[in-house]
């Protein structure tokens, strides 16, 4: 918790913290962290991803769906 206004600290971008890690559509385990149980792409406010990496994550998820590595919808 931030002591100034008792606000929670802002989430850090996973890919900015781990500089050697890159967004890759062939890594569905990492991409699953960024989709909801209904297989929707989660917003950056929930994931903590920066704008640059959120765009890359969204494109990687869409490519992985096309390749059959991730589902389009979940039942």
PDB file of N, CA and C in Angstrom:
ATOM      1  N   UNK A   1       0.828  -1.189   0.000  1.00  0.00           N
ATOM      2  CA  UNK A   1       0.000   0.000   0.000  1.00  0.00           C
ATOM      3  C   UNK A   1       0.868   1.248   0.000  1.00  0.00           C
ATOM      4  N   UNK A   2       0.434   2.221  -0.742  1.00  0.00           N
ATOM      5  CA  UNK A   2       1.109   3.504  -0.793  1.00  0.00           C
ATOM      6  C   UNK A   2       0.698   4.303   0.439  1.00  0.00           C
ATOM      7  N   UNK A   3       1.643   4.851   1.169  1.00  0.00           N
ATOM      8  CA  UNK A   3       1.340   5.517   2.432  1.00  0.00           C
ATOM      9  C   UNK A   3       0.709   6.886   2.260  1.00  0.00           C
ATOM     10  N   UNK A   4       0.827   7.509   1.096  1.00  0.00           N
ATOM     11  CA  UNK A   4       0.296   8.852   0.920  1.00  0.00           C
ATOM     12  C   UNK A   4      -1.211   8.897   1.054  1.00  0.00           C
ATOM     13  N   UNK A   5      -1.928   8.180   0.214  1.00  0.00           N
ATOM     14  CA  UNK A   5      -3.387   8.243   0.195  1.00  0.00           C
ATOM     15  C   UNK A   5      -4.028   6.883   0.431  1.00  0.00           C
ATOM     16  N   UNK A   6      -3.253   5.931   0.925  1.00  0.00           N
ATOM     17  CA  UNK A   6      -3.724   4.563   1.118  1.00  0.00           C
ATOM     18  C   UNK A   6      -4.253   3.944  -0.167  1.00  0.00           C
ATOM     19  N   UNK A   7      -3.615   4.280  -1.286  1.00  0.00           N
ATOM     20  CA  UNK A   7      -3.962   3.709  -2.580  1.00  0.00           C
ATOM     21  C   UNK A   7      -3.048   2.525  -2.856  1.00  0.00           C
ATOM     22  N   UNK A   8      -3.559   1.483  -3.509  1.00  0.00           N
ATOM     23  CA  UNK A   8      -2.681   0.367  -3.860  1.00  0.00           C
ATOM     24  C   UNK A   8      -1.651   0.800  -4.901  1.00  0.00           C
ATOM     25  N   UNK A   9      -0.482   0.186  -4.839  1.00  0.00           N
ATOM     26  CA  UNK A   9       0.567   0.526  -5.790  1.00  0.00           C
ATOM     27  C   UNK A   9       0.186   0.053  -7.187  1.00  0.00           C
ATOM     28  N   UNK A  10       0.641   0.793  -8.189  1.00  0.00           N
ATOM     29  CA  UNK A  10       0.351   0.447  -9.576  1.00  0.00           C
ATOM     30  C   UNK A  10       1.097  -0.831  -9.959  1.00  0.00           C
ATOM     31  N   UNK A  11       0.433  -1.703 -10.703  1.00  0.00           N
ATOM     32  CA  UNK A  11       1.066  -2.942 -11.145  1.00  0.00           C
ATOM     33  C   UNK A  11       2.173  -2.630 -12.147  1.00  0.00           C
ATOM     34  N   UNK A  12       3.189  -3.439 -12.125  1.00  0.00           N
ATOM     35  CA  UNK A  12       4.305  -3.286 -13.048  1.00  0.00           C
ATOM     36  C   UNK A  12       4.088  -4.184 -14.262  1.00  0.00           C
ATOM     37  N   UNK A  13       4.565  -3.731 -15.396  1.00  0.00           N
ATOM     38  CA  UNK A  13       4.483  -4.516 -16.627  1.00  0.00           C
ATOM     39  C   UNK A  13       5.458  -5.694 -16.538  1.00  0.00           C
ATOM     40  N   UNK A  14       4.951  -6.896 -16.745  1.00  0.00           N
ATOM     41  CA  UNK A  14       5.762  -8.110 -16.666  1.00  0.00           C
ATOM     42  C   UNK A  14       6.918  -8.074 -17.662  1.00  0.00           C
ATOM     43  N   UNK A  15       6.662  -7.580 -18.842  1.00  0.00           N
ATOM     44  CA  UNK A  15       7.676  -7.592 -19.896  1.00  0.00           C
ATOM     45  C   UNK A  15       8.699  -6.468 -19.722  1.00  0.00           C
ATOM     46  N   UNK A  16       8.312  -5.381 -19.041  1.00  0.00           N
ATOM     47  CA  UNK A  16       9.276  -4.311 -18.752  1.00  0.00           C
ATOM     48  C   UNK A  16      10.209  -4.725 -17.611  1.00  0.00           C
ATOM     49  N   UNK A  17       9.680  -5.487 -16.659  1.00  0.00           N
ATOM     50  CA  UNK A  17      10.498  -5.947 -15.534  1.00  0.00           C
ATOM     51  C   UNK A  17      11.525  -6.963 -16.013  1.00  0.00           C
ATOM     52  N   UNK A  18      11.080  -7.945 -16.782  1.00  0.00           N
ATOM     53  CA  UNK A  18      11.960  -8.990 -17.306  1.00  0.00           C
ATOM     54  C   UNK A  18      12.358  -8.610 -18.726  1.00  0.00           C
ATOM     55  N   UNK A  19      13.413  -7.863 -18.847  1.00  0.00           N
ATOM     56  CA  UNK A  19      13.817  -7.290 -20.138  1.00  0.00           C
ATOM     57  C   UNK A  19      14.106  -8.358 -21.201  1.00  0.00           C
ATOM     58  N   UNK A  20      14.656  -9.516 -20.806  1.00  0.00           N
ATOM     59  CA  UNK A  20      15.006 -10.526 -21.805  1.00  0.00           C
ATOM     60  C   UNK A  20      13.781 -11.280 -22.311  1.00  0.00           C
ATOM     61  N   UNK A  21      12.668 -11.210 -21.589  1.00  0.00           N
ATOM     62  CA  UNK A  21      11.431 -11.883 -22.008  1.00  0.00           C
ATOM     63  C   UNK A  21      10.723 -11.029 -23.056  1.00  0.00           C
ATOM     64  N   UNK A  22      10.215 -11.682 -24.096  1.00  0.00           N
ATOM     65  CA  UNK A  22       9.524 -10.969 -25.163  1.00  0.00           C
ATOM     66  C   UNK A  22       8.155 -11.601 -25.376  1.00  0.00           C
ATOM     67  N   UNK A  23       7.223 -10.841 -25.898  1.00  0.00           N
ATOM     68  CA  UNK A  23       5.880 -11.344 -26.184  1.00  0.00           C
ATOM     69  C   UNK A  23       5.976 -12.258 -27.394  1.00  0.00           C
ATOM     70  N   UNK A  24       5.519 -13.510 -27.233  1.00  0.00           N
ATOM     71  CA  UNK A  24       5.623 -14.481 -28.312  1.00  0.00           C
ATOM     72  C   UNK A  24       4.319 -15.268 -28.409  1.00  0.00           C
ATOM     73  N   UNK A  25       3.753 -15.339 -29.594  1.00  0.00           N
ATOM     74  CA  UNK A  25       2.481 -16.042 -29.775  1.00  0.00           C
ATOM     75  C   UNK A  25       2.634 -17.542 -29.585  1.00  0.00           C
ATOM     76  N   UNK A  26       3.867 -18.065 -29.657  1.00  0.00           N
ATOM     77  CA  UNK A  26       4.105 -19.496 -29.505  1.00  0.00           C
ATOM     78  C   UNK A  26       4.228 -19.919 -28.045  1.00  0.00           C
ATOM     79  N   UNK A  27       3.997 -18.986 -27.112  1.00  0.00           N
ATOM     80  CA  UNK A  27       4.081 -19.269 -25.681  1.00  0.00           C
ATOM     81  C   UNK A  27       2.701 -19.086 -25.040  1.00  0.00           C
ATOM     82  N   UNK A  28       1.801 -20.076 -25.196  1.00  0.00           N
ATOM     83  CA  UNK A  28       0.438 -19.912 -24.692  1.00  0.00           C
ATOM     84  C   UNK A  28       0.346 -19.844 -23.170  1.00  0.00           C
ATOM     85  N   UNK A  29       1.303 -20.438 -22.453  1.00  0.00           N
ATOM     86  CA  UNK A  29       1.265 -20.388 -20.990  1.00  0.00           C
ATOM     87  C   UNK A  29       1.373 -18.956 -20.491  1.00  0.00           C
ATOM     88  N   UNK A  30       2.247 -18.168 -21.077  1.00  0.00           N
ATOM     89  CA  UNK A  30       2.389 -16.765 -20.690  1.00  0.00           C
ATOM     90  C   UNK A  30       1.164 -15.971 -21.124  1.00  0.00           C
ATOM     91  N   UNK A  31       0.669 -16.234 -22.311  1.00  0.00           N
ATOM     92  CA  UNK A  31      -0.472 -15.479 -22.829  1.00  0.00           C
ATOM     93  C   UNK A  31      -1.752 -15.765 -22.052  1.00  0.00           C
ATOM     94  N   UNK A  32      -1.871 -16.948 -21.448  1.00  0.00           N
ATOM     95  CA  UNK A  32      -3.065 -17.278 -20.665  1.00  0.00           C
ATOM     96  C   UNK A  32      -3.232 -16.349 -19.463  1.00  0.00           C
ATOM     97  N   UNK A  33      -2.141 -15.761 -18.994  1.00  0.00           N
ATOM     98  CA  UNK A  33      -2.213 -14.814 -17.875  1.00  0.00           C
ATOM     99  C   UNK A  33      -2.953 -13.538 -18.274  1.00  0.00           C
ATOM    100  N   UNK A  34      -3.052 -13.280 -19.572  1.00  0.00           N
ATOM    101  CA  UNK A  34      -3.634 -12.037 -20.071  1.00  0.00           C
ATOM    102  C   UNK A  34      -5.016 -12.216 -20.685  1.00  0.00           C
ATOM    103  N   UNK A  35      -5.607 -13.409 -20.542  1.00  0.00           N
ATOM    104  CA  UNK A  35      -6.980 -13.612 -20.995  1.00  0.00           C
ATOM    105  C   UNK A  35      -7.825 -14.060 -19.806  1.00  0.00           C
ATOM    106  N   UNK A  36      -9.118 -13.715 -19.843  1.00  0.00           N
ATOM    107  CA  UNK A  36     -10.027 -14.066 -18.756  1.00  0.00           C
ATOM    108  C   UNK A  36     -10.479 -15.517 -18.898  1.00  0.00           C
ATOM    109  N   UNK A  37     -11.302 -15.959 -17.950  1.00  0.00           N
ATOM    110  CA  UNK A  37     -11.834 -17.321 -18.013  1.00  0.00           C
ATOM    111  C   UNK A  37     -12.733 -17.511 -19.222  1.00  0.00           C
ATOM    112  N   UNK A  38     -13.311 -16.445 -19.703  1.00  0.00           N
ATOM    113  CA  UNK A  38     -14.157 -16.488 -20.898  1.00  0.00           C
ATOM    114  C   UNK A  38     -13.347 -16.285 -22.177  1.00  0.00           C
ATOM    115  N   UNK A  39     -12.030 -16.302 -22.063  1.00  0.00           N
ATOM    116  CA  UNK A  39     -11.087 -16.174 -23.179  1.00  0.00           C
ATOM    117  C   UNK A  39     -11.095 -14.788 -23.815  1.00  0.00           C
ATOM    118  N   UNK A  40     -11.452 -13.772 -23.032  1.00  0.00           N
ATOM    119  CA  UNK A  40     -11.388 -12.397 -23.520  1.00  0.00           C
ATOM    120  C   UNK A  40     -10.050 -11.784 -23.114  1.00  0.00           C
ATOM    121  N   UNK A  41      -9.549 -10.899 -23.941  1.00  0.00           N
ATOM    122  CA  UNK A  41      -8.298 -10.203 -23.628  1.00  0.00           C
ATOM    123  C   UNK A  41      -8.575  -9.211 -22.505  1.00  0.00           C
ATOM    124  N   UNK A  42      -7.821  -9.321 -21.427  1.00  0.00           N
ATOM    125  CA  UNK A  42      -8.037  -8.442 -20.276  1.00  0.00           C
ATOM    126  C   UNK A  42      -7.418  -7.071 -20.528  1.00  0.00           C
ATOM    127  N   UNK A  43      -8.025  -6.020 -19.963  1.00  0.00           N
ATOM    128  CA  UNK A  43      -7.501  -4.669 -20.158  1.00  0.00           C
ATOM    129  C   UNK A  43      -6.211  -4.458 -19.368  1.00  0.00           C
ATOM    130  N   UNK A  44      -5.410  -3.477 -19.771  1.00  0.00           N
ATOM    131  CA  UNK A  44      -4.133  -3.241 -19.091  1.00  0.00           C
ATOM    132  C   UNK A  44      -4.296  -2.829 -17.635  1.00  0.00           C
ATOM    133  N   UNK A  45      -5.429  -2.282 -17.278  1.00  0.00           N
ATOM    134  CA  UNK A  45      -5.661  -1.906 -15.886  1.00  0.00           C
ATOM    135  C   UNK A  45      -5.660  -3.143 -14.983  1.00  0.00           C
ATOM    136  N   UNK A  46      -6.152  -4.270 -15.493  1.00  0.00           N
ATOM    137  CA  UNK A  46      -6.180  -5.522 -14.729  1.00  0.00           C
ATOM    138  C   UNK A  46      -4.854  -6.258 -14.790  1.00  0.00           C
ATOM    139  N   UNK A  47      -4.173  -6.185 -15.939  1.00  0.00           N
ATOM    140  CA  UNK A  47      -2.942  -6.955 -16.110  1.00  0.00           C
ATOM    141  C   UNK A  47      -1.701  -6.192 -15.674  1.00  0.00           C
ATOM    142  N   UNK A  48      -1.756  -4.865 -15.721  1.00  0.00           N
ATOM    143  CA  UNK A  48      -0.597  -4.063 -15.362  1.00  0.00           C
ATOM    144  C   UNK A  48       0.367  -3.863 -16.515  1.00  0.00           C
ATOM    145  N   UNK A  49      -0.012  -4.272 -17.707  1.00  0.00           N
ATOM    146  CA  UNK A  49       0.871  -4.141 -18.866  1.00  0.00           C
ATOM    147  C   UNK A  49       0.907  -2.691 -19.352  1.00  0.00           C
ATOM    148  N   UNK A  50       2.085  -2.271 -19.817  1.00  0.00           N
ATOM    149  CA  UNK A  50       2.202  -0.927 -20.369  1.00  0.00           C
ATOM    150  C   UNK A  50       1.551  -0.911 -21.759  1.00  0.00           C
ATOM    151  N   UNK A  51       1.354   0.269 -22.310  1.00  0.00           N
ATOM    152  CA  UNK A  51       0.661   0.408 -23.589  1.00  0.00           C
ATOM    153  C   UNK A  51       1.374  -0.339 -24.713  1.00  0.00           C
ATOM    154  N   UNK A  52       2.677  -0.199 -24.768  1.00  0.00           N
ATOM    155  CA  UNK A  52       3.476  -0.842 -25.816  1.00  0.00           C
ATOM    156  C   UNK A  52       3.320  -2.366 -25.771  1.00  0.00           C
ATOM    157  N   UNK A  53       3.454  -2.932 -24.579  1.00  0.00           N
ATOM    158  CA  UNK A  53       3.369  -4.378 -24.460  1.00  0.00           C
ATOM    159  C   UNK A  53       1.928  -4.882 -24.534  1.00  0.00           C
ATOM    160  N   UNK A  54       0.952  -4.065 -24.136  1.00  0.00           N
ATOM    161  CA  UNK A  54      -0.447  -4.475 -24.249  1.00  0.00           C
ATOM    162  C   UNK A  54      -0.818  -4.689 -25.714  1.00  0.00           C
ATOM    163  N   UNK A  55      -0.332  -3.819 -26.598  1.00  0.00           N
ATOM    164  CA  UNK A  55      -0.587  -3.992 -28.029  1.00  0.00           C
ATOM    165  C   UNK A  55       0.047  -5.280 -28.543  1.00  0.00           C
ATOM    166  N   UNK A  56       1.287  -5.541 -28.111  1.00  0.00           N
ATOM    167  CA  UNK A  56       1.969  -6.769 -28.530  1.00  0.00           C
ATOM    168  C   UNK A  56       1.263  -8.012 -27.981  1.00  0.00           C
ATOM    169  N   UNK A  57       0.786  -7.926 -26.745  1.00  0.00           N
ATOM    170  CA  UNK A  57       0.064  -9.042 -26.130  1.00  0.00           C
ATOM    171  C   UNK A  57      -1.212  -9.336 -26.911  1.00  0.00           C
ATOM    172  N   UNK A  58      -1.976  -8.287 -27.240  1.00  0.00           N
ATOM    173  CA  UNK A  58      -3.229  -8.460 -27.974  1.00  0.00           C
ATOM    174  C   UNK A  58      -2.980  -9.110 -29.338  1.00  0.00           C
ATOM    175  N   UNK A  59      -1.960  -8.640 -30.053  1.00  0.00           N
ATOM    176  CA  UNK A  59      -1.636  -9.228 -31.360  1.00  0.00           C
ATOM    177  C   UNK A  59      -1.170 -10.672 -31.214  1.00  0.00           C
ATOM    178  N   UNK A  60      -0.382 -10.965 -30.181  1.00  0.00           N
ATOM    179  CA  UNK A  60       0.104 -12.329 -29.964  1.00  0.00           C
ATOM    180  C   UNK A  60      -1.052 -13.264 -29.625  1.00  0.00           C
ATOM    181  N   UNK A  61      -2.011 -12.796 -28.829  1.00  0.00           N
ATOM    182  CA  UNK A  61      -3.176 -13.613 -28.485  1.00  0.00           C
ATOM    183  C   UNK A  61      -3.992 -13.905 -29.738  1.00  0.00           C
ATOM    184  N   UNK A  62      -4.187 -12.896 -30.581  1.00  0.00           N
ATOM    185  CA  UNK A  62      -4.949 -13.086 -31.815  1.00  0.00           C
ATOM    186  C   UNK A  62      -4.249 -14.073 -32.748  1.00  0.00           C
ATOM    187  N   UNK A  63      -2.930 -13.999 -32.837  1.00  0.00           N
ATOM    188  CA  UNK A  63      -2.173 -14.951 -33.672  1.00  0.00           C
ATOM    189  C   UNK A  63      -2.256 -16.353 -33.103  1.00  0.00           C
ATOM    190  N   UNK A  64      -2.132 -16.472 -31.765  1.00  0.00           N
ATOM    191  CA  UNK A  64      -2.200 -17.783 -31.124  1.00  0.00           C
ATOM    192  C   UNK A  64      -3.576 -18.404 -31.310  1.00  0.00           C
ATOM    193  N   UNK A  65      -4.624 -17.595 -31.294  1.00  0.00           N
ATOM    194  CA  UNK A  65      -5.971 -18.100 -31.543  1.00  0.00           C
ATOM    195  C   UNK A  65      -6.085 -18.633 -32.961  1.00  0.00           C
ATOM    196  N   UNK A  66      -5.544 -17.887 -33.913  1.00  0.00           N
ATOM    197  CA  UNK A  66      -5.599 -18.305 -35.312  1.00  0.00           C
ATOM    198  C   UNK A  66      -4.847 -19.621 -35.523  1.00  0.00           C
ATOM    199  N   UNK A  67      -3.728 -19.799 -34.816  1.00  0.00           N
ATOM    200  CA  UNK A  67      -2.918 -21.004 -34.947  1.00  0.00           C
ATOM    201  C   UNK A  67      -3.500 -22.170 -34.142  1.00  0.00           C
ATOM    202  N   UNK A  68      -4.510 -21.908 -33.315  1.00  0.00           N
ATOM    203  CA  UNK A  68      -5.137 -22.964 -32.531  1.00  0.00           C
ATOM    204  C   UNK A  68      -4.487 -23.219 -31.183  1.00  0.00           C
ATOM    205  N   UNK A  69      -3.632 -22.315 -30.742  1.00  0.00           N
ATOM    206  CA  UNK A  69      -2.958 -22.494 -29.456  1.00  0.00           C
ATOM    207  C   UNK A  69      -3.791 -21.979 -28.289  1.00  0.00           C
ATOM    208  N   UNK A  70      -4.672 -21.031 -28.555  1.00  0.00           N
ATOM    209  CA  UNK A  70      -5.576 -20.471 -27.547  1.00  0.00           C
ATOM    210  C   UNK A  70      -7.002 -20.513 -28.080  1.00  0.00           C
ATOM    211  N   UNK A  71      -7.985 -20.616 -27.179  1.00  0.00           N
ATOM    212  CA  UNK A  71      -9.378 -20.641 -27.645  1.00  0.00           C
ATOM    213  C   UNK A  71      -9.899 -19.266 -27.977  1.00  0.00           C
ATOM    214  N   UNK A  72     -10.869 -19.222 -28.900  1.00  0.00           N
ATOM    215  CA  UNK A  72     -11.557 -17.975 -29.196  1.00  0.00           C
ATOM    216  C   UNK A  72     -12.592 -17.673 -28.103  1.00  0.00           C
ATOM    217  N   UNK A  73     -13.309 -18.722 -27.680  1.00  0.00           N
ATOM    218  CA  UNK A  73     -14.301 -18.573 -26.614  1.00  0.00           C
ATOM    219  C   UNK A  73     -14.157 -19.736 -25.651  1.00  0.00           C
ATOM    220  N   UNK A  74     -14.634 -19.537 -24.429  1.00  0.00           N
ATOM    221  CA  UNK A  74     -14.644 -20.608 -23.440  1.00  0.00           C
ATOM    222  C   UNK A  74     -16.075 -20.832 -22.985  1.00  0.00           C
ATOM    223  N   UNK A  75     -16.432 -22.047 -22.742  1.00  0.00           N
ATOM    224  CA  UNK A  75     -17.810 -22.350 -22.350  1.00  0.00           C
ATOM    225  C   UNK A  75     -17.923 -22.489 -20.859  1.00  0.00           C
TER     226      UNK A  75
END
